Amino acid sequence: MPHAIRWVLVNSDQSVAAFAMPATCEPKGYSSEKRKGHVRSLARAYNTQFRTVIAYVEPARAASAVRAIEGSRS
């Protein structure tokens, strides 16, 4: 998926840690994303799949994880 969104919630009742989630568009709302060309559609009877791996990385290993991820984009 070409985008990532952050989930952050802090209010008088809750405080939630943020994390990045893969996404097909940014969280700006349907009309905004459609104007930017981020809304995708599938023809009738077609489908798609997105495979996502989510894991926790200890702080001591974070730098090497970033290098591995950035290297896989090349």
N, C-alpha and C. Protein backbone atom coordinates (compact mmCIF):
# COMPACT_ATOMS: atom_id res chain seq x y z
N MET A 1 0.84 -1.17 0.00
CA MET A 1 0.00 0.00 0.00
C MET A 1 0.88 1.24 0.00
N PRO A 2 0.55 2.22 -0.76
CA PRO A 2 1.45 3.34 -0.98
C PRO A 2 1.47 4.41 0.12
N HIS A 3 0.61 4.32 1.10
CA HIS A 3 0.54 5.35 2.14
C HIS A 3 0.57 4.71 3.52
N ALA A 4 0.85 5.51 4.51
CA ALA A 4 0.75 5.07 5.90
C ALA A 4 0.02 6.17 6.67
N ILE A 5 -0.83 5.75 7.57
CA ILE A 5 -1.52 6.72 8.41
C ILE A 5 -1.14 6.47 9.86
N ARG A 6 -1.14 7.54 10.64
CA ARG A 6 -0.85 7.43 12.07
C ARG A 6 -2.17 7.48 12.83
N TRP A 7 -2.26 6.68 13.86
CA TRP A 7 -3.44 6.71 14.72
C TRP A 7 -3.01 7.30 16.06
N VAL A 8 -3.56 8.45 16.39
CA VAL A 8 -3.24 9.14 17.63
C VAL A 8 -4.56 9.56 18.27
N LEU A 9 -4.72 9.25 19.53
CA LEU A 9 -5.93 9.67 20.24
C LEU A 9 -5.53 10.17 21.62
N VAL A 10 -5.74 11.44 21.85
CA VAL A 10 -5.49 12.02 23.16
C VAL A 10 -6.64 12.96 23.46
N ASN A 11 -7.40 12.63 24.48
CA ASN A 11 -8.47 13.52 24.93
C ASN A 11 -8.59 13.40 26.44
N SER A 12 -9.63 13.95 27.01
CA SER A 12 -9.75 13.94 28.47
C SER A 12 -9.96 12.54 29.04
N ASP A 13 -10.42 11.59 28.21
CA ASP A 13 -10.68 10.23 28.67
C ASP A 13 -9.60 9.22 28.31
N GLN A 14 -8.89 9.47 27.21
CA GLN A 14 -7.98 8.46 26.70
C GLN A 14 -6.68 9.06 26.18
N SER A 15 -5.64 8.26 26.23
CA SER A 15 -4.36 8.62 25.63
C SER A 15 -3.80 7.34 25.01
N VAL A 16 -3.72 7.30 23.69
CA VAL A 16 -3.35 6.08 22.98
C VAL A 16 -2.05 6.31 22.21
N ALA A 17 -1.15 5.36 22.30
CA ALA A 17 0.09 5.43 21.53
C ALA A 17 -0.22 5.35 20.05
N ALA A 18 0.53 6.07 19.26
CA ALA A 18 0.32 6.09 17.82
C ALA A 18 1.14 5.01 17.15
N PHE A 19 0.66 4.54 16.03
CA PHE A 19 1.45 3.64 15.21
C PHE A 19 1.06 3.83 13.76
N ALA A 20 1.91 3.42 12.86
CA ALA A 20 1.66 3.60 11.43
C ALA A 20 0.91 2.38 10.90
N MET A 21 -0.12 2.66 10.12
CA MET A 21 -0.89 1.59 9.49
C MET A 21 -0.84 1.77 7.98
N PRO A 22 -0.63 0.70 7.24
CA PRO A 22 -0.63 0.81 5.79
C PRO A 22 -2.01 1.25 5.30
N ALA A 23 -2.03 2.04 4.24
CA ALA A 23 -3.30 2.55 3.73
C ALA A 23 -3.22 2.75 2.22
N THR A 24 -4.37 2.75 1.59
CA THR A 24 -4.43 3.00 0.16
C THR A 24 -4.53 4.49 -0.15
N CYS A 25 -4.79 5.32 0.87
CA CYS A 25 -4.86 6.77 0.68
C CYS A 25 -4.58 7.45 2.02
N GLU A 26 -4.56 8.76 2.01
CA GLU A 26 -4.37 9.53 3.23
C GLU A 26 -5.73 9.71 3.92
N PRO A 27 -5.76 10.03 5.20
CA PRO A 27 -7.03 10.13 5.93
C PRO A 27 -7.68 11.51 5.85
N LYS A 28 -7.73 12.10 4.67
CA LYS A 28 -8.27 13.46 4.51
C LYS A 28 -9.74 13.48 4.13
N GLY A 29 -10.36 12.33 3.96
CA GLY A 29 -11.75 12.29 3.54
C GLY A 29 -11.87 11.91 2.08
N TYR A 30 -12.98 11.30 1.73
CA TYR A 30 -13.19 10.75 0.39
C TYR A 30 -13.01 11.79 -0.71
N SER A 31 -13.67 12.94 -0.61
CA SER A 31 -13.61 13.94 -1.68
C SER A 31 -12.19 14.44 -1.91
N SER A 32 -11.48 14.72 -0.83
CA SER A 32 -10.10 15.19 -0.93
C SER A 32 -9.20 14.14 -1.58
N GLU A 33 -9.35 12.91 -1.14
CA GLU A 33 -8.51 11.83 -1.67
C GLU A 33 -8.86 11.54 -3.13
N LYS A 34 -10.12 11.65 -3.49
CA LYS A 34 -10.54 11.44 -4.89
C LYS A 34 -9.89 12.50 -5.79
N ARG A 35 -9.89 13.77 -5.33
CA ARG A 35 -9.26 14.84 -6.12
C ARG A 35 -7.77 14.58 -6.34
N LYS A 36 -7.11 13.99 -5.35
CA LYS A 36 -5.68 13.71 -5.46
C LYS A 36 -5.39 12.43 -6.23
N GLY A 37 -6.44 11.71 -6.63
CA GLY A 37 -6.24 10.47 -7.38
C GLY A 37 -5.88 9.28 -6.52
N HIS A 38 -6.16 9.36 -5.22
CA HIS A 38 -5.81 8.28 -4.30
C HIS A 38 -6.90 7.23 -4.14
N VAL A 39 -8.11 7.48 -4.62
CA VAL A 39 -9.20 6.52 -4.46
C VAL A 39 -9.14 5.52 -5.61
N ARG A 40 -9.05 4.27 -5.28
CA ARG A 40 -8.98 3.22 -6.29
C ARG A 40 -10.29 2.45 -6.32
N SER A 41 -10.63 1.96 -7.50
CA SER A 41 -11.85 1.17 -7.66
C SER A 41 -11.51 -0.11 -8.42
N LEU A 42 -12.25 -1.15 -8.12
CA LEU A 42 -12.11 -2.41 -8.85
C LEU A 42 -13.35 -2.64 -9.69
N ALA A 43 -13.15 -3.20 -10.85
CA ALA A 43 -14.28 -3.55 -11.70
C ALA A 43 -15.09 -4.64 -11.00
N ARG A 44 -16.36 -4.74 -11.35
CA ARG A 44 -17.25 -5.75 -10.77
C ARG A 44 -16.63 -7.13 -10.93
N ALA A 45 -16.75 -7.94 -9.90
CA ALA A 45 -16.27 -9.33 -9.86
C ALA A 45 -14.74 -9.43 -9.75
N TYR A 46 -14.03 -8.33 -9.57
CA TYR A 46 -12.59 -8.37 -9.33
C TYR A 46 -12.33 -8.20 -7.84
N ASN A 47 -11.19 -8.66 -7.39
CA ASN A 47 -10.81 -8.45 -6.00
C ASN A 47 -9.31 -8.24 -5.93
N THR A 48 -8.86 -7.87 -4.76
CA THR A 48 -7.44 -7.67 -4.54
C THR A 48 -7.11 -8.07 -3.12
N GLN A 49 -5.85 -8.24 -2.85
CA GLN A 49 -5.40 -8.57 -1.50
C GLN A 49 -4.20 -7.71 -1.16
N PHE A 50 -4.07 -7.39 0.10
CA PHE A 50 -2.91 -6.66 0.61
C PHE A 50 -2.34 -7.48 1.75
N ARG A 51 -1.08 -7.78 1.67
CA ARG A 51 -0.42 -8.53 2.74
C ARG A 51 0.36 -7.55 3.59
N THR A 52 0.16 -7.61 4.89
CA THR A 52 0.80 -6.70 5.82
C THR A 52 1.44 -7.50 6.95
N VAL A 53 2.65 -7.14 7.31
CA VAL A 53 3.32 -7.74 8.46
C VAL A 53 3.46 -6.65 9.51
N ILE A 54 2.97 -6.92 10.69
CA ILE A 54 3.06 -5.96 11.80
C ILE A 54 3.87 -6.61 12.91
N ALA A 55 4.85 -5.89 13.42
CA ALA A 55 5.71 -6.45 14.45
C ALA A 55 6.19 -5.35 15.38
N TYR A 56 6.64 -5.75 16.52
CA TYR A 56 7.25 -4.83 17.48
C TYR A 56 8.76 -4.94 17.34
N VAL A 57 9.43 -3.81 17.28
CA VAL A 57 10.89 -3.79 17.21
C VAL A 57 11.42 -3.09 18.46
N GLU A 58 12.28 -3.81 19.17
CA GLU A 58 12.87 -3.23 20.37
C GLU A 58 13.72 -2.02 19.99
N PRO A 59 13.79 -1.00 20.85
CA PRO A 59 14.57 0.20 20.53
C PRO A 59 16.01 -0.10 20.11
N ALA A 60 16.64 -1.09 20.71
CA ALA A 60 18.03 -1.41 20.38
C ALA A 60 18.19 -1.91 18.94
N ARG A 61 17.11 -2.45 18.35
CA ARG A 61 17.17 -2.98 16.99
C ARG A 61 16.52 -2.05 15.96
N ALA A 62 15.99 -0.92 16.39
CA ALA A 62 15.23 -0.04 15.50
C ALA A 62 16.06 0.48 14.33
N ALA A 63 17.30 0.91 14.58
CA ALA A 63 18.12 1.47 13.51
C ALA A 63 18.38 0.44 12.42
N SER A 64 18.69 -0.79 12.79
CA SER A 64 18.94 -1.82 11.77
C SER A 64 17.65 -2.17 11.03
N ALA A 65 16.50 -2.11 11.70
CA ALA A 65 15.21 -2.36 11.04
C ALA A 65 14.92 -1.28 10.00
N VAL A 66 15.20 -0.03 10.34
CA VAL A 66 15.00 1.07 9.39
C VAL A 66 15.88 0.88 8.17
N ARG A 67 17.13 0.52 8.36
CA ARG A 67 18.03 0.30 7.22
C ARG A 67 17.52 -0.84 6.34
N ALA A 68 17.02 -1.90 6.94
CA ALA A 68 16.50 -3.03 6.16
C ALA A 68 15.28 -2.62 5.35
N ILE A 69 14.39 -1.86 5.96
CA ILE A 69 13.18 -1.41 5.26
C ILE A 69 13.54 -0.47 4.12
N GLU A 70 14.40 0.50 4.40
CA GLU A 70 14.79 1.45 3.36
C GLU A 70 15.56 0.77 2.24
N GLY A 71 16.36 -0.22 2.55
CA GLY A 71 17.09 -0.96 1.53
C GLY A 71 16.18 -1.79 0.65
N SER A 72 15.05 -2.23 1.18
CA SER A 72 14.13 -3.05 0.38
C SER A 72 13.36 -2.20 -0.64
N ARG A 73 13.36 -0.89 -0.49
CA ARG A 73 12.67 0.00 -1.44
C ARG A 73 13.49 0.24 -2.70
N SER A 74 14.78 -0.04 -2.65
CA SER A 74 15.67 0.25 -3.79
C SER A 74 15.42 -0.67 -4.94
